[in-house]
Amino acid sequence: MINGDINEFTDKLWSGEELIYVYNGKKYFSQGYLREDKVYVFELQLWEPEVKTLWQISGKDNQESYEIFLKQPLFDGKTFWEIEKDTEWVDY
């Protein structure tokens, strides 16, 4: 991870904190949160070059959501672990 510690980043990712990071010229935002109905939601949004939700999961706890997220090919067909060394953490 560029400009950050991967262990700290993944701890924050697991806990659902809002994170902003850049990979391959694209800015991403991820967060996890508990809705009013007590359902946990984890989502990934693209912020630049356009704004859109890329992926969302609900009804799982934060651990299960985190594990599922890490296995998804959401970043130009690659998983988070495949891109992490080329990813810049820009909001810490």
N, C-alpha and C. Protein backbone atom coordinates (compact mmCIF):
# COMPACT_ATOMS: atom_id res chain seq x y z
N MET A 1 0.84 -1.17 0.00
CA MET A 1 0.00 0.00 0.00
C MET A 1 0.90 1.24 0.00
N ILE A 2 0.57 2.16 -0.88
CA ILE A 2 1.32 3.40 -1.00
C ILE A 2 0.76 4.41 0.01
N ASN A 3 1.64 5.08 0.73
CA ASN A 3 1.27 6.12 1.71
C ASN A 3 0.43 5.59 2.87
N GLY A 4 0.64 4.35 3.25
CA GLY A 4 -0.09 3.83 4.38
C GLY A 4 0.33 2.42 4.72
N ASP A 5 -0.06 2.00 5.90
CA ASP A 5 0.23 0.67 6.38
C ASP A 5 -0.94 -0.25 6.04
N ILE A 6 -0.68 -1.34 5.35
CA ILE A 6 -1.75 -2.23 4.91
C ILE A 6 -2.50 -2.84 6.09
N ASN A 7 -1.81 -3.12 7.19
CA ASN A 7 -2.49 -3.68 8.35
C ASN A 7 -3.46 -2.68 8.97
N GLU A 8 -3.05 -1.44 9.07
CA GLU A 8 -3.95 -0.41 9.58
C GLU A 8 -5.13 -0.21 8.63
N PHE A 9 -4.86 -0.19 7.34
CA PHE A 9 -5.91 -0.02 6.35
C PHE A 9 -6.94 -1.14 6.44
N THR A 10 -6.48 -2.39 6.48
CA THR A 10 -7.42 -3.51 6.52
C THR A 10 -8.17 -3.57 7.85
N ASP A 11 -7.54 -3.13 8.93
CA ASP A 11 -8.27 -3.03 10.21
C ASP A 11 -9.43 -2.05 10.08
N LYS A 12 -9.16 -0.92 9.45
CA LYS A 12 -10.21 0.08 9.25
C LYS A 12 -11.28 -0.43 8.27
N LEU A 13 -10.84 -1.13 7.25
CA LEU A 13 -11.77 -1.72 6.29
C LEU A 13 -12.69 -2.72 7.00
N TRP A 14 -12.11 -3.57 7.84
CA TRP A 14 -12.88 -4.57 8.58
C TRP A 14 -13.90 -3.91 9.50
N SER A 15 -13.51 -2.80 10.14
CA SER A 15 -14.42 -2.15 11.09
C SER A 15 -15.46 -1.27 10.38
N GLY A 16 -15.35 -1.12 9.07
CA GLY A 16 -16.35 -0.37 8.32
C GLY A 16 -16.08 1.12 8.21
N GLU A 17 -14.91 1.56 8.64
CA GLU A 17 -14.61 2.99 8.55
C GLU A 17 -14.61 3.45 7.10
N GLU A 18 -14.91 4.71 6.90
CA GLU A 18 -14.88 5.28 5.56
C GLU A 18 -13.43 5.39 5.10
N LEU A 19 -13.14 4.85 3.92
CA LEU A 19 -11.79 4.86 3.37
C LEU A 19 -11.83 5.35 1.93
N ILE A 20 -10.84 6.16 1.58
CA ILE A 20 -10.69 6.66 0.22
C ILE A 20 -9.31 6.24 -0.27
N TYR A 21 -9.28 5.64 -1.46
CA TYR A 21 -8.02 5.16 -2.00
C TYR A 21 -8.05 5.22 -3.52
N VAL A 22 -6.86 5.24 -4.10
CA VAL A 22 -6.72 5.38 -5.55
C VAL A 22 -5.97 4.17 -6.10
N TYR A 23 -6.52 3.61 -7.17
CA TYR A 23 -5.86 2.53 -7.89
C TYR A 23 -6.06 2.77 -9.38
N ASN A 24 -4.97 2.72 -10.13
CA ASN A 24 -5.02 2.81 -11.58
C ASN A 24 -5.75 4.08 -12.05
N GLY A 25 -5.51 5.19 -11.34
CA GLY A 25 -6.10 6.48 -11.72
C GLY A 25 -7.56 6.65 -11.33
N LYS A 26 -8.12 5.70 -10.60
CA LYS A 26 -9.52 5.77 -10.18
C LYS A 26 -9.58 5.91 -8.66
N LYS A 27 -10.48 6.77 -8.19
CA LYS A 27 -10.65 6.98 -6.76
C LYS A 27 -11.84 6.17 -6.27
N TYR A 28 -11.59 5.40 -5.20
CA TYR A 28 -12.60 4.53 -4.62
C TYR A 28 -12.92 4.95 -3.18
N PHE A 29 -14.12 4.63 -2.77
CA PHE A 29 -14.59 4.87 -1.40
C PHE A 29 -15.26 3.61 -0.92
N SER A 30 -14.91 3.17 0.28
CA SER A 30 -15.60 2.01 0.85
C SER A 30 -15.98 2.32 2.29
N GLN A 31 -17.06 1.69 2.72
CA GLN A 31 -17.53 1.85 4.09
C GLN A 31 -18.47 0.71 4.44
N GLY A 32 -18.61 0.49 5.72
CA GLY A 32 -19.60 -0.43 6.25
C GLY A 32 -20.41 0.31 7.28
N TYR A 33 -21.68 -0.01 7.38
CA TYR A 33 -22.53 0.70 8.35
C TYR A 33 -23.74 -0.15 8.70
N LEU A 34 -24.33 0.17 9.82
CA LEU A 34 -25.53 -0.50 10.29
C LEU A 34 -26.72 0.38 9.98
N ARG A 35 -27.66 -0.13 9.20
CA ARG A 35 -28.86 0.63 8.88
C ARG A 35 -29.76 0.72 10.11
N GLU A 36 -30.77 1.55 10.03
CA GLU A 36 -31.71 1.70 11.15
C GLU A 36 -32.39 0.39 11.51
N ASP A 37 -32.58 -0.49 10.53
CA ASP A 37 -33.22 -1.78 10.81
C ASP A 37 -32.23 -2.84 11.31
N LYS A 38 -31.02 -2.37 11.67
CA LYS A 38 -29.97 -3.22 12.26
C LYS A 38 -29.32 -4.19 11.27
N VAL A 39 -29.46 -3.93 9.98
CA VAL A 39 -28.82 -4.74 8.94
C VAL A 39 -27.49 -4.07 8.58
N TYR A 40 -26.41 -4.85 8.60
CA TYR A 40 -25.10 -4.33 8.25
C TYR A 40 -24.95 -4.30 6.73
N VAL A 41 -24.40 -3.20 6.22
CA VAL A 41 -24.19 -3.00 4.78
C VAL A 41 -22.73 -2.62 4.57
N PHE A 42 -22.11 -3.22 3.57
CA PHE A 42 -20.75 -2.84 3.17
C PHE A 42 -20.81 -2.51 1.69
N GLU A 43 -20.18 -1.38 1.31
CA GLU A 43 -20.25 -0.99 -0.09
C GLU A 43 -18.94 -0.40 -0.59
N LEU A 44 -18.79 -0.50 -1.89
CA LEU A 44 -17.67 0.09 -2.60
C LEU A 44 -18.23 1.02 -3.65
N GLN A 45 -17.74 2.25 -3.66
CA GLN A 45 -18.16 3.23 -4.65
C GLN A 45 -16.96 3.70 -5.44
N LEU A 46 -17.20 4.02 -6.69
CA LEU A 46 -16.21 4.70 -7.52
C LEU A 46 -16.53 6.18 -7.41
N TRP A 47 -15.53 6.99 -7.09
CA TRP A 47 -15.76 8.44 -6.97
C TRP A 47 -15.19 9.21 -8.16
N GLU A 48 -14.14 8.73 -8.74
CA GLU A 48 -13.55 9.38 -9.91
C GLU A 48 -13.08 8.28 -10.85
N PRO A 49 -13.33 8.39 -12.13
CA PRO A 49 -13.72 9.55 -12.90
C PRO A 49 -15.22 9.84 -12.89
N GLU A 50 -16.03 8.93 -12.35
CA GLU A 50 -17.46 9.17 -12.23
C GLU A 50 -17.90 8.62 -10.88
N VAL A 51 -19.09 8.99 -10.44
CA VAL A 51 -19.59 8.51 -9.16
C VAL A 51 -20.64 7.42 -9.40
N LYS A 52 -20.38 6.25 -8.82
CA LYS A 52 -21.37 5.17 -8.89
C LYS A 52 -21.02 4.11 -7.85
N THR A 53 -22.03 3.40 -7.42
CA THR A 53 -21.81 2.27 -6.52
C THR A 53 -21.42 1.07 -7.36
N LEU A 54 -20.27 0.48 -7.04
CA LEU A 54 -19.77 -0.67 -7.79
C LEU A 54 -20.21 -1.99 -7.19
N TRP A 55 -20.35 -2.02 -5.86
CA TRP A 55 -20.65 -3.28 -5.20
C TRP A 55 -21.21 -3.01 -3.82
N GLN A 56 -22.16 -3.84 -3.42
CA GLN A 56 -22.76 -3.69 -2.09
C GLN A 56 -23.23 -5.06 -1.61
N ILE A 57 -23.08 -5.29 -0.32
CA ILE A 57 -23.58 -6.52 0.29
C ILE A 57 -24.28 -6.13 1.58
N SER A 58 -25.38 -6.78 1.88
CA SER A 58 -26.09 -6.50 3.12
C SER A 58 -26.57 -7.80 3.74
N GLY A 59 -26.84 -7.73 5.04
CA GLY A 59 -27.37 -8.89 5.74
C GLY A 59 -26.31 -9.81 6.31
N LYS A 60 -25.06 -9.49 6.12
CA LYS A 60 -23.95 -10.26 6.70
C LYS A 60 -23.34 -9.41 7.81
N ASP A 61 -22.59 -10.03 8.71
CA ASP A 61 -21.89 -9.21 9.70
C ASP A 61 -20.64 -8.60 9.06
N ASN A 62 -19.95 -7.74 9.80
CA ASN A 62 -18.81 -7.05 9.21
C ASN A 62 -17.70 -8.02 8.82
N GLN A 63 -17.46 -9.07 9.59
CA GLN A 63 -16.41 -10.02 9.25
C GLN A 63 -16.71 -10.74 7.94
N GLU A 64 -17.92 -11.24 7.81
CA GLU A 64 -18.29 -11.97 6.60
C GLU A 64 -18.31 -11.04 5.38
N SER A 65 -18.81 -9.82 5.56
CA SER A 65 -18.82 -8.83 4.46
C SER A 65 -17.40 -8.53 4.00
N TYR A 66 -16.52 -8.32 4.95
CA TYR A 66 -15.11 -8.04 4.69
C TYR A 66 -14.47 -9.18 3.89
N GLU A 67 -14.67 -10.41 4.34
CA GLU A 67 -14.08 -11.56 3.66
C GLU A 67 -14.62 -11.72 2.23
N ILE A 68 -15.90 -11.49 2.05
CA ILE A 68 -16.49 -11.59 0.71
C ILE A 68 -15.94 -10.48 -0.19
N PHE A 69 -15.86 -9.25 0.34
CA PHE A 69 -15.31 -8.12 -0.41
C PHE A 69 -13.90 -8.42 -0.93
N LEU A 70 -13.05 -8.95 -0.06
CA LEU A 70 -11.66 -9.19 -0.44
C LEU A 70 -11.52 -10.20 -1.58
N LYS A 71 -12.52 -11.04 -1.79
CA LYS A 71 -12.46 -12.07 -2.83
C LYS A 71 -13.07 -11.64 -4.16
N GLN A 72 -13.73 -10.48 -4.18
CA GLN A 72 -14.43 -10.03 -5.39
C GLN A 72 -13.46 -9.33 -6.36
N PRO A 73 -13.54 -9.63 -7.65
CA PRO A 73 -12.69 -8.95 -8.65
C PRO A 73 -13.30 -7.60 -9.05
N LEU A 74 -13.23 -6.63 -8.14
CA LEU A 74 -13.92 -5.35 -8.32
C LEU A 74 -13.05 -4.24 -8.91
N PHE A 75 -11.77 -4.47 -8.98
CA PHE A 75 -10.84 -3.43 -9.40
C PHE A 75 -10.21 -3.82 -10.73
N ASP A 76 -10.85 -3.42 -11.81
CA ASP A 76 -10.38 -3.78 -13.15
C ASP A 76 -10.19 -5.29 -13.28
N GLY A 77 -11.12 -6.05 -12.70
CA GLY A 77 -11.07 -7.50 -12.77
C GLY A 77 -10.14 -8.17 -11.78
N LYS A 78 -9.62 -7.38 -10.83
CA LYS A 78 -8.69 -7.92 -9.84
C LYS A 78 -9.29 -7.78 -8.44
N THR A 79 -8.82 -8.62 -7.53
CA THR A 79 -9.26 -8.53 -6.14
C THR A 79 -8.44 -7.46 -5.41
N PHE A 80 -8.90 -7.11 -4.23
CA PHE A 80 -8.17 -6.13 -3.42
C PHE A 80 -6.74 -6.56 -3.18
N TRP A 81 -6.53 -7.83 -2.84
CA TRP A 81 -5.16 -8.29 -2.55
C TRP A 81 -4.27 -8.23 -3.79
N GLU A 82 -4.84 -8.36 -4.96
CA GLU A 82 -4.05 -8.27 -6.19
C GLU A 82 -3.62 -6.84 -6.50
N ILE A 83 -4.35 -5.86 -5.98
CA ILE A 83 -4.03 -4.45 -6.30
C ILE A 83 -3.42 -3.69 -5.14
N GLU A 84 -3.42 -4.25 -3.95
CA GLU A 84 -3.07 -3.45 -2.77
C GLU A 84 -1.68 -2.82 -2.84
N LYS A 85 -0.71 -3.47 -3.44
CA LYS A 85 0.63 -2.89 -3.49
C LYS A 85 0.70 -1.67 -4.42
N ASP A 86 -0.26 -1.55 -5.33
CA ASP A 86 -0.31 -0.42 -6.26
C ASP A 86 -1.40 0.58 -5.90
N THR A 87 -1.96 0.44 -4.70
CA THR A 87 -3.07 1.29 -4.25
C THR A 87 -2.56 2.34 -3.29
N GLU A 88 -3.02 3.58 -3.48
CA GLU A 88 -2.61 4.68 -2.60
C GLU A 88 -3.76 5.04 -1.66
N TRP A 89 -3.48 5.03 -0.39
CA TRP A 89 -4.44 5.43 0.64
C TRP A 89 -4.37 6.94 0.75
N VAL A 90 -5.46 7.62 0.45
CA VAL A 90 -5.41 9.08 0.35
C VAL A 90 -6.19 9.83 1.41
N ASP A 91 -6.77 9.16 2.40
CA ASP A 91 -7.60 9.90 3.36
C ASP A 91 -7.22 9.71 4.82
N TYR A 92 -6.09 9.14 5.13
CA TYR A 92 -5.77 8.88 6.54
C TYR A 92 -5.15 10.04 7.24
